[in-house]
Amino acid sequence: MVLDHSFGNGSLTREEVLSMGNIQETRDRINRLKDEWEREVAGLPGEALLSMERTRWPFEDRPFHELLAWLNIELMKNAAEIGYCRFLYAVSKK
């Protein structure tokens, strides 16, 4: 959603974000989104990071670099949650 709202037309809604069919499709989709995000952000001039022009979702009226920091924290949190779920699943087998 951040990618669509920052670099696309900003029309993507949560209801339109669908789960992939299997783990390989999910992994491939995540990698494509990561590559697209890196390409878009790398192409920005430095002053764009201080601008509020691209900060549209999930909050507005903040410099774009704050959105980048927020997104990084969200991704780290999600990775930690997935790791914890994997841990719980592994110990439940015993």
PDB file of N, CA and C in Angstrom:
ATOM      1  N   MET A   1       0.820  -1.184   0.000  1.00  0.00           N
ATOM      2  CA  MET A   1       0.000   0.000   0.000  1.00  0.00           C
ATOM      3  C   MET A   1       0.866   1.251   0.000  1.00  0.00           C
ATOM      4  N   VAL A   2       1.962   1.224   0.746  1.00  0.00           N
ATOM      5  CA  VAL A   2       2.848   2.391   0.766  1.00  0.00           C
ATOM      6  C   VAL A   2       3.433   2.630  -0.625  1.00  0.00           C
ATOM      7  N   LEU A   3       3.825   1.568  -1.294  1.00  0.00           N
ATOM      8  CA  LEU A   3       4.374   1.693  -2.642  1.00  0.00           C
ATOM      9  C   LEU A   3       3.342   2.325  -3.588  1.00  0.00           C
ATOM     10  N   ASP A   4       2.120   1.847  -3.548  1.00  0.00           N
ATOM     11  CA  ASP A   4       1.076   2.385  -4.415  1.00  0.00           C
ATOM     12  C   ASP A   4       0.749   3.833  -4.067  1.00  0.00           C
ATOM     13  N   HIS A   5       0.686   4.155  -2.798  1.00  0.00           N
ATOM     14  CA  HIS A   5       0.311   5.509  -2.393  1.00  0.00           C
ATOM     15  C   HIS A   5       1.467   6.505  -2.535  1.00  0.00           C
ATOM     16  N   SER A   6       2.691   6.025  -2.505  1.00  0.00           N
ATOM     17  CA  SER A   6       3.842   6.922  -2.643  1.00  0.00           C
ATOM     18  C   SER A   6       4.286   7.091  -4.090  1.00  0.00           C
ATOM     19  N   PHE A   7       4.156   6.030  -4.898  1.00  0.00           N
ATOM     20  CA  PHE A   7       4.676   6.078  -6.259  1.00  0.00           C
ATOM     21  C   PHE A   7       3.645   5.719  -7.328  1.00  0.00           C
ATOM     22  N   GLY A   8       2.485   5.256  -6.921  1.00  0.00           N
ATOM     23  CA  GLY A   8       1.441   4.886  -7.877  1.00  0.00           C
ATOM     24  C   GLY A   8       0.306   5.883  -7.849  1.00  0.00           C
ATOM     25  N   ASN A   9      -0.883   5.381  -8.150  1.00  0.00           N
ATOM     26  CA  ASN A   9      -2.036   6.280  -8.188  1.00  0.00           C
ATOM     27  C   ASN A   9      -2.750   6.402  -6.847  1.00  0.00           C
ATOM     28  N   GLY A  10      -2.304   5.651  -5.844  1.00  0.00           N
ATOM     29  CA  GLY A  10      -2.865   5.781  -4.497  1.00  0.00           C
ATOM     30  C   GLY A  10      -4.262   5.230  -4.344  1.00  0.00           C
ATOM     31  N   SER A  11      -4.626   4.274  -5.176  1.00  0.00           N
ATOM     32  CA  SER A  11      -5.989   3.748  -5.121  1.00  0.00           C
ATOM     33  C   SER A  11      -6.091   2.396  -4.413  1.00  0.00           C
ATOM     34  N   LEU A  12      -4.977   1.746  -4.119  1.00  0.00           N
ATOM     35  CA  LEU A  12      -4.999   0.421  -3.502  1.00  0.00           C
ATOM     36  C   LEU A  12      -5.592   0.496  -2.099  1.00  0.00           C
ATOM     37  N   THR A  13      -6.521  -0.426  -1.807  1.00  0.00           N
ATOM     38  CA  THR A  13      -7.126  -0.513  -0.472  1.00  0.00           C
ATOM     39  C   THR A  13      -6.721  -1.825   0.180  1.00  0.00           C
ATOM     40  N   ARG A  14      -6.904  -1.922   1.471  1.00  0.00           N
ATOM     41  CA  ARG A  14      -6.558  -3.155   2.195  1.00  0.00           C
ATOM     42  C   ARG A  14      -7.320  -4.358   1.646  1.00  0.00           C
ATOM     43  N   GLU A  15      -8.571  -4.134   1.272  1.00  0.00           N
ATOM     44  CA  GLU A  15      -9.396  -5.225   0.764  1.00  0.00           C
ATOM     45  C   GLU A  15      -8.864  -5.792  -0.553  1.00  0.00           C
ATOM     46  N   GLU A  16      -8.090  -5.016  -1.263  1.00  0.00           N
ATOM     47  CA  GLU A  16      -7.537  -5.457  -2.542  1.00  0.00           C
ATOM     48  C   GLU A  16      -6.201  -6.188  -2.391  1.00  0.00           C
ATOM     49  N   VAL A  17      -5.633  -6.198  -1.202  1.00  0.00           N
ATOM     50  CA  VAL A  17      -4.376  -6.898  -0.954  1.00  0.00           C
ATOM     51  C   VAL A  17      -4.722  -8.349  -0.639  1.00  0.00           C
ATOM     52  N   LEU A  18      -4.390  -9.245  -1.563  1.00  0.00           N
ATOM     53  CA  LEU A  18      -4.775 -10.641  -1.434  1.00  0.00           C
ATOM     54  C   LEU A  18      -3.588 -11.508  -1.050  1.00  0.00           C
ATOM     55  N   SER A  19      -3.876 -12.586  -0.371  1.00  0.00           N
ATOM     56  CA  SER A  19      -2.858 -13.556   0.002  1.00  0.00           C
ATOM     57  C   SER A  19      -2.481 -14.387  -1.210  1.00  0.00           C
ATOM     58  N   MET A  20      -1.210 -14.719  -1.331  1.00  0.00           N
ATOM     59  CA  MET A  20      -0.738 -15.547  -2.436  1.00  0.00           C
ATOM     60  C   MET A  20      -1.155 -16.994  -2.177  1.00  0.00           C
ATOM     61  N   GLY A  21      -1.059 -17.820  -3.207  1.00  0.00           N
ATOM     62  CA  GLY A  21      -1.504 -19.198  -3.111  1.00  0.00           C
ATOM     63  C   GLY A  21      -0.586 -20.134  -2.346  1.00  0.00           C
ATOM     64  N   ASN A  22       0.716 -19.887  -2.400  1.00  0.00           N
ATOM     65  CA  ASN A  22       1.637 -20.774  -1.700  1.00  0.00           C
ATOM     66  C   ASN A  22       2.877 -19.975  -1.284  1.00  0.00           C
ATOM     67  N   ILE A  23       3.761 -20.624  -0.573  1.00  0.00           N
ATOM     68  CA  ILE A  23       4.918 -19.918  -0.006  1.00  0.00           C
ATOM     69  C   ILE A  23       5.832 -19.388  -1.104  1.00  0.00           C
ATOM     70  N   GLN A  24       6.025 -20.129  -2.188  1.00  0.00           N
ATOM     71  CA  GLN A  24       6.914 -19.653  -3.254  1.00  0.00           C
ATOM     72  C   GLN A  24       6.338 -18.426  -3.950  1.00  0.00           C
ATOM     73  N   GLU A  25       5.030 -18.432  -4.224  1.00  0.00           N
ATOM     74  CA  GLU A  25       4.393 -17.253  -4.817  1.00  0.00           C
ATOM     75  C   GLU A  25       4.489 -16.051  -3.885  1.00  0.00           C
ATOM     76  N   THR A  26       4.312 -16.292  -2.596  1.00  0.00           N
ATOM     77  CA  THR A  26       4.411 -15.215  -1.603  1.00  0.00           C
ATOM     78  C   THR A  26       5.821 -14.651  -1.578  1.00  0.00           C
ATOM     79  N   ARG A  27       6.812 -15.524  -1.542  1.00  0.00           N
ATOM     80  CA  ARG A  27       8.212 -15.094  -1.528  1.00  0.00           C
ATOM     81  C   ARG A  27       8.547 -14.290  -2.786  1.00  0.00           C
ATOM     82  N   ASP A  28       8.100 -14.777  -3.932  1.00  0.00           N
ATOM     83  CA  ASP A  28       8.359 -14.071  -5.193  1.00  0.00           C
ATOM     84  C   ASP A  28       7.704 -12.690  -5.197  1.00  0.00           C
ATOM     85  N   ARG A  29       6.478 -12.611  -4.713  1.00  0.00           N
ATOM     86  CA  ARG A  29       5.761 -11.318  -4.678  1.00  0.00           C
ATOM     87  C   ARG A  29       6.464 -10.341  -3.744  1.00  0.00           C
ATOM     88  N   ILE A  30       6.878 -10.806  -2.586  1.00  0.00           N
ATOM     89  CA  ILE A  30       7.592  -9.940  -1.636  1.00  0.00           C
ATOM     90  C   ILE A  30       8.883  -9.431  -2.262  1.00  0.00           C
ATOM     91  N   ASN A  31       9.611 -10.300  -2.937  1.00  0.00           N
ATOM     92  CA  ASN A  31      10.865  -9.886  -3.578  1.00  0.00           C
ATOM     93  C   ASN A  31      10.627  -8.879  -4.694  1.00  0.00           C
ATOM     94  N   ARG A  32       9.564  -9.066  -5.480  1.00  0.00           N
ATOM     95  CA  ARG A  32       9.244  -8.095  -6.537  1.00  0.00           C
ATOM     96  C   ARG A  32       8.882  -6.734  -5.932  1.00  0.00           C
ATOM     97  N   LEU A  33       8.087  -6.746  -4.866  1.00  0.00           N
ATOM     98  CA  LEU A  33       7.733  -5.483  -4.201  1.00  0.00           C
ATOM     99  C   LEU A  33       8.964  -4.799  -3.620  1.00  0.00           C
ATOM    100  N   LYS A  34       9.853  -5.578  -3.018  1.00  0.00           N
ATOM    101  CA  LYS A  34      11.086  -5.027  -2.457  1.00  0.00           C
ATOM    102  C   LYS A  34      11.933  -4.384  -3.552  1.00  0.00           C
ATOM    103  N   ASP A  35      12.086  -5.101  -4.660  1.00  0.00           N
ATOM    104  CA  ASP A  35      12.879  -4.574  -5.775  1.00  0.00           C
ATOM    105  C   ASP A  35      12.278  -3.286  -6.328  1.00  0.00           C
ATOM    106  N   GLU A  36      10.963  -3.269  -6.470  1.00  0.00           N
ATOM    107  CA  GLU A  36      10.303  -2.066  -6.988  1.00  0.00           C
ATOM    108  C   GLU A  36      10.458  -0.893  -6.012  1.00  0.00           C
ATOM    109  N   TRP A  37      10.296  -1.155  -4.715  1.00  0.00           N
ATOM    110  CA  TRP A  37      10.455  -0.114  -3.699  1.00  0.00           C
ATOM    111  C   TRP A  37      11.879   0.452  -3.726  1.00  0.00           C
ATOM    112  N   GLU A  38      12.877  -0.433  -3.739  1.00  0.00           N
ATOM    113  CA  GLU A  38      14.274   0.013  -3.769  1.00  0.00           C
ATOM    114  C   GLU A  38      14.566   0.847  -5.017  1.00  0.00           C
ATOM    115  N   ARG A  39      14.048   0.427  -6.154  1.00  0.00           N
ATOM    116  CA  ARG A  39      14.256   1.154  -7.403  1.00  0.00           C
ATOM    117  C   ARG A  39      13.625   2.550  -7.331  1.00  0.00           C
ATOM    118  N   GLU A  40      12.411   2.639  -6.823  1.00  0.00           N
ATOM    119  CA  GLU A  40      11.714   3.927  -6.727  1.00  0.00           C
ATOM    120  C   GLU A  40      12.407   4.871  -5.745  1.00  0.00           C
ATOM    121  N   VAL A  41      12.757   4.375  -4.578  1.00  0.00           N
ATOM    122  CA  VAL A  41      13.391   5.225  -3.559  1.00  0.00           C
ATOM    123  C   VAL A  41      14.789   5.647  -4.011  1.00  0.00           C
ATOM    124  N   ALA A  42      15.532   4.728  -4.625  1.00  0.00           N
ATOM    125  CA  ALA A  42      16.890   5.062  -5.079  1.00  0.00           C
ATOM    126  C   ALA A  42      16.873   6.148  -6.144  1.00  0.00           C
ATOM    127  N   GLY A  43      15.795   6.248  -6.899  1.00  0.00           N
ATOM    128  CA  GLY A  43      15.712   7.251  -7.947  1.00  0.00           C
ATOM    129  C   GLY A  43      15.309   8.639  -7.477  1.00  0.00           C
ATOM    130  N   LEU A  44      15.012   8.774  -6.195  1.00  0.00           N
ATOM    131  CA  LEU A  44      14.591  10.073  -5.666  1.00  0.00           C
ATOM    132  C   LEU A  44      15.793  10.980  -5.413  1.00  0.00           C
ATOM    133  N   PRO A  45      15.663  12.254  -5.716  1.00  0.00           N
ATOM    134  CA  PRO A  45      16.714  13.190  -5.308  1.00  0.00           C
ATOM    135  C   PRO A  45      16.655  13.398  -3.800  1.00  0.00           C
ATOM    136  N   GLY A  46      17.745  13.815  -3.199  1.00  0.00           N
ATOM    137  CA  GLY A  46      17.827  13.985  -1.749  1.00  0.00           C
ATOM    138  C   GLY A  46      16.754  14.879  -1.167  1.00  0.00           C
ATOM    139  N   GLU A  47      16.407  15.947  -1.884  1.00  0.00           N
ATOM    140  CA  GLU A  47      15.400  16.871  -1.347  1.00  0.00           C
ATOM    141  C   GLU A  47      14.016  16.233  -1.274  1.00  0.00           C
ATOM    142  N   ALA A  48      13.777  15.165  -2.042  1.00  0.00           N
ATOM    143  CA  ALA A  48      12.481  14.478  -1.986  1.00  0.00           C
ATOM    144  C   ALA A  48      12.268  13.804  -0.634  1.00  0.00           C
ATOM    145  N   LEU A  49      13.365  13.434   0.023  1.00  0.00           N
ATOM    146  CA  LEU A  49      13.243  12.805   1.340  1.00  0.00           C
ATOM    147  C   LEU A  49      12.763  13.794   2.394  1.00  0.00           C
ATOM    148  N   LEU A  50      13.001  15.065   2.166  1.00  0.00           N
ATOM    149  CA  LEU A  50      12.545  16.100   3.099  1.00  0.00           C
ATOM    150  C   LEU A  50      11.152  16.622   2.747  1.00  0.00           C
ATOM    151  N   SER A  51      10.696  16.295   1.556  1.00  0.00           N
ATOM    152  CA  SER A  51       9.402  16.762   1.074  1.00  0.00           C
ATOM    153  C   SER A  51       8.264  15.913   1.648  1.00  0.00           C
ATOM    154  N   MET A  52       7.072  16.477   1.697  1.00  0.00           N
ATOM    155  CA  MET A  52       5.880  15.752   2.133  1.00  0.00           C
ATOM    156  C   MET A  52       5.042  15.288   0.943  1.00  0.00           C
ATOM    157  N   GLU A  53       5.526  15.531  -0.258  1.00  0.00           N
ATOM    158  CA  GLU A  53       4.769  15.244  -1.477  1.00  0.00           C
ATOM    159  C   GLU A  53       4.367  13.775  -1.600  1.00  0.00           C
ATOM    160  N   ARG A  54       5.239  12.857  -1.265  1.00  0.00           N
ATOM    161  CA  ARG A  54       4.972  11.426  -1.429  1.00  0.00           C
ATOM    162  C   ARG A  54       4.419  10.763  -0.174  1.00  0.00           C
ATOM    163  N   THR A  55       4.302  11.479   0.910  1.00  0.00           N
ATOM    164  CA  THR A  55       3.820  10.895   2.161  1.00  0.00           C
ATOM    165  C   THR A  55       2.299  10.998   2.188  1.00  0.00           C
ATOM    166  N   ARG A  56       1.633   9.922   1.748  1.00  0.00           N
ATOM    167  CA  ARG A  56       0.174   9.940   1.633  1.00  0.00           C
ATOM    168  C   ARG A  56      -0.513   8.860   2.454  1.00  0.00           C
ATOM    169  N   TRP A  57       0.156   7.761   2.698  1.00  0.00           N
ATOM    170  CA  TRP A  57      -0.427   6.665   3.476  1.00  0.00           C
ATOM    171  C   TRP A  57       0.685   5.967   4.239  1.00  0.00           C
ATOM    172  N   PRO A  58       0.543   5.651   5.475  1.00  0.00           N
ATOM    173  CA  PRO A  58      -0.636   5.691   6.329  1.00  0.00           C
ATOM    174  C   PRO A  58      -0.829   7.030   7.053  1.00  0.00           C
ATOM    175  N   PHE A  59       0.073   7.956   6.842  1.00  0.00           N
ATOM    176  CA  PHE A  59      -0.087   9.286   7.437  1.00  0.00           C
ATOM    177  C   PHE A  59       0.323  10.328   6.419  1.00  0.00           C
ATOM    178  N   GLU A  60      -0.031  11.565   6.687  1.00  0.00           N
ATOM    179  CA  GLU A  60       0.259  12.675   5.770  1.00  0.00           C
ATOM    180  C   GLU A  60       0.963  13.784   6.528  1.00  0.00           C
ATOM    181  N   ASP A  61       1.371  14.791   5.780  1.00  0.00           N
ATOM    182  CA  ASP A  61       1.985  15.995   6.353  1.00  0.00           C
ATOM    183  C   ASP A  61       3.223  15.698   7.192  1.00  0.00           C
ATOM    184  N   ARG A  62       3.997  14.720   6.734  1.00  0.00           N
ATOM    185  CA  ARG A  62       5.279  14.386   7.369  1.00  0.00           C
ATOM    186  C   ARG A  62       6.313  14.257   6.264  1.00  0.00           C
ATOM    187  N   PRO A  63       7.563  14.536   6.549  1.00  0.00           N
ATOM    188  CA  PRO A  63       8.605  14.349   5.528  1.00  0.00           C
ATOM    189  C   PRO A  63       8.685  12.872   5.100  1.00  0.00           C
ATOM    190  N   PHE A  64       9.024  12.653   3.853  1.00  0.00           N
ATOM    191  CA  PHE A  64       9.071  11.289   3.316  1.00  0.00           C
ATOM    192  C   PHE A  64      10.069  10.415   4.067  1.00  0.00           C
ATOM    193  N   HIS A  65      11.147  10.992   4.564  1.00  0.00           N
ATOM    194  CA  HIS A  65      12.126  10.172   5.289  1.00  0.00           C
ATOM    195  C   HIS A  65      11.514   9.566   6.546  1.00  0.00           C
ATOM    196  N   GLU A  66      10.506  10.208   7.133  1.00  0.00           N
ATOM    197  CA  GLU A  66       9.836   9.635   8.300  1.00  0.00           C
ATOM    198  C   GLU A  66       8.987   8.433   7.897  1.00  0.00           C
ATOM    199  N   LEU A  67       8.388   8.489   6.723  1.00  0.00           N
ATOM    200  CA  LEU A  67       7.648   7.337   6.210  1.00  0.00           C
ATOM    201  C   LEU A  67       8.610   6.177   5.966  1.00  0.00           C
ATOM    202  N   LEU A  68       9.774   6.459   5.401  1.00  0.00           N
ATOM    203  CA  LEU A  68      10.771   5.412   5.167  1.00  0.00           C
ATOM    204  C   LEU A  68      11.189   4.757   6.482  1.00  0.00           C
ATOM    205  N   ALA A  69      11.410   5.559   7.508  1.00  0.00           N
ATOM    206  CA  ALA A  69      11.795   5.012   8.817  1.00  0.00           C
ATOM    207  C   ALA A  69      10.665   4.173   9.397  1.00  0.00           C
ATOM    208  N   TRP A  70       9.425   4.669   9.308  1.00  0.00           N
ATOM    209  CA  TRP A  70       8.273   3.935   9.823  1.00  0.00           C
ATOM    210  C   TRP A  70       8.149   2.586   9.122  1.00  0.00           C
ATOM    211  N   LEU A  71       8.293   2.587   7.794  1.00  0.00           N
ATOM    212  CA  LEU A  71       8.165   1.347   7.035  1.00  0.00           C
ATOM    213  C   LEU A  71       9.238   0.349   7.440  1.00  0.00           C
ATOM    214  N   ASN A  72      10.442   0.815   7.657  1.00  0.00           N
ATOM    215  CA  ASN A  72      11.525  -0.068   8.090  1.00  0.00           C
ATOM    216  C   ASN A  72      11.192  -0.714   9.438  1.00  0.00           C
ATOM    217  N   ILE A  73      10.660   0.068  10.362  1.00  0.00           N
ATOM    218  CA  ILE A  73      10.278  -0.464  11.675  1.00  0.00           C
ATOM    219  C   ILE A  73       9.166  -1.498  11.523  1.00  0.00           C
ATOM    220  N   GLU A  74       8.179  -1.209  10.687  1.00  0.00           N
ATOM    221  CA  GLU A  74       7.078  -2.149  10.462  1.00  0.00           C
ATOM    222  C   GLU A  74       7.596  -3.474   9.896  1.00  0.00           C
ATOM    223  N   LEU A  75       8.506  -3.400   8.934  1.00  0.00           N
ATOM    224  CA  LEU A  75       9.043  -4.624   8.346  1.00  0.00           C
ATOM    225  C   LEU A  75       9.851  -5.430   9.363  1.00  0.00           C
ATOM    226  N   MET A  76      10.627  -4.756  10.204  1.00  0.00           N
ATOM    227  CA  MET A  76      11.383  -5.468  11.251  1.00  0.00           C
ATOM    228  C   MET A  76      10.427  -6.114  12.249  1.00  0.00           C
ATOM    229  N   LYS A  77       9.358  -5.418  12.604  1.00  0.00           N
ATOM    230  CA  LYS A  77       8.366  -5.960  13.529  1.00  0.00           C
ATOM    231  C   LYS A  77       7.705  -7.196  12.919  1.00  0.00           C
ATOM    232  N   ASN A  78       7.338  -7.119  11.650  1.00  0.00           N
ATOM    233  CA  ASN A  78       6.717  -8.259  10.989  1.00  0.00           C
ATOM    234  C   ASN A  78       7.658  -9.452  10.927  1.00  0.00           C
ATOM    235  N   ALA A  79       8.921  -9.203  10.627  1.00  0.00           N
ATOM    236  CA  ALA A  79       9.902 -10.293  10.586  1.00  0.00           C
ATOM    237  C   ALA A  79      10.036 -10.949  11.963  1.00  0.00           C
ATOM    238  N   ALA A  80      10.045 -10.141  13.023  1.00  0.00           N
ATOM    239  CA  ALA A  80      10.136 -10.687  14.376  1.00  0.00           C
ATOM    240  C   ALA A  80       8.900 -11.520  14.710  1.00  0.00           C
ATOM    241  N   GLU A  81       7.729 -11.067  14.301  1.00  0.00           N
ATOM    242  CA  GLU A  81       6.500 -11.818  14.558  1.00  0.00           C
ATOM    243  C   GLU A  81       6.500 -13.143  13.808  1.00  0.00           C
ATOM    244  N   ILE A  82       6.959 -13.131  12.556  1.00  0.00           N
ATOM    245  CA  ILE A  82       7.042 -14.373  11.794  1.00  0.00           C
ATOM    246  C   ILE A  82       8.029 -15.327  12.454  1.00  0.00           C
ATOM    247  N   GLY A  83       9.174 -14.803  12.887  1.00  0.00           N
ATOM    248  CA  GLY A  83      10.160 -15.635  13.576  1.00  0.00           C
ATOM    249  C   GLY A  83       9.600 -16.249  14.849  1.00  0.00           C
ATOM    250  N   TYR A  84       8.836 -15.480  15.590  1.00  0.00           N
ATOM    251  CA  TYR A  84       8.245 -15.991  16.832  1.00  0.00           C
ATOM    252  C   TYR A  84       7.214 -17.072  16.517  1.00  0.00           C
ATOM    253  N   CYS A  85       6.417 -16.886  15.474  1.00  0.00           N
ATOM    254  CA  CYS A  85       5.453 -17.910  15.073  1.00  0.00           C
ATOM    255  C   CYS A  85       6.164 -19.189  14.666  1.00  0.00           C
ATOM    256  N   ARG A  86       7.275 -19.055  13.954  1.00  0.00           N
ATOM    257  CA  ARG A  86       8.048 -20.235  13.550  1.00  0.00           C
ATOM    258  C   ARG A  86       8.604 -20.957  14.776  1.00  0.00           C
ATOM    259  N   PHE A  87       9.072 -20.187  15.759  1.00  0.00           N
ATOM    260  CA  PHE A  87       9.570 -20.766  17.002  1.00  0.00           C
ATOM    261  C   PHE A  87       8.449 -21.539  17.714  1.00  0.00           C
ATOM    262  N   LEU A  88       7.277 -20.922  17.869  1.00  0.00           N
ATOM    263  CA  LEU A  88       6.171 -21.568  18.539  1.00  0.00           C
ATOM    264  C   LEU A  88       5.752 -22.847  17.803  1.00  0.00           C
ATOM    265  N   TYR A  89       5.749 -22.785  16.493  1.00  0.00           N
ATOM    266  CA  TYR A  89       5.402 -23.974  15.708  1.00  0.00           C
ATOM    267  C   TYR A  89       6.433 -25.076  15.929  1.00  0.00           C
ATOM    268  N   ALA A  90       7.708 -24.726  15.937  1.00  0.00           N
ATOM    269  CA  ALA A  90       8.768 -25.734  16.118  1.00  0.00           C
ATOM    270  C   ALA A  90       8.679 -26.396  17.480  1.00  0.00           C
ATOM    271  N   VAL A  91       8.445 -25.628  18.524  1.00  0.00           N
ATOM    272  CA  VAL A  91       8.395 -26.248  19.862  1.00  0.00           C
ATOM    273  C   VAL A  91       7.085 -26.983  20.107  1.00  0.00           C
ATOM    274  N   SER A  92       6.053 -26.687  19.334  1.00  0.00           N
ATOM    275  CA  SER A  92       4.788 -27.401  19.523  1.00  0.00           C
ATOM    276  C   SER A  92       4.858 -28.829  18.996  1.00  0.00           C
ATOM    277  N   LYS A  93       5.841 -29.148  18.197  1.00  0.00           N
ATOM    278  CA  LYS A  93       6.023 -30.477  17.626  1.00  0.00           C
ATOM    279  C   LYS A  93       6.562 -31.489  18.639  1.00  0.00           C
ATOM    280  N   LYS A  94       7.128 -30.968  19.741  1.00  0.00           N
ATOM    281  CA  LYS A  94       7.772 -31.868  20.716  1.00  0.00           C
ATOM    282  C   LYS A  94       6.779 -32.548  21.612  1.00  0.00           C
TER     283      LYS A  94
END
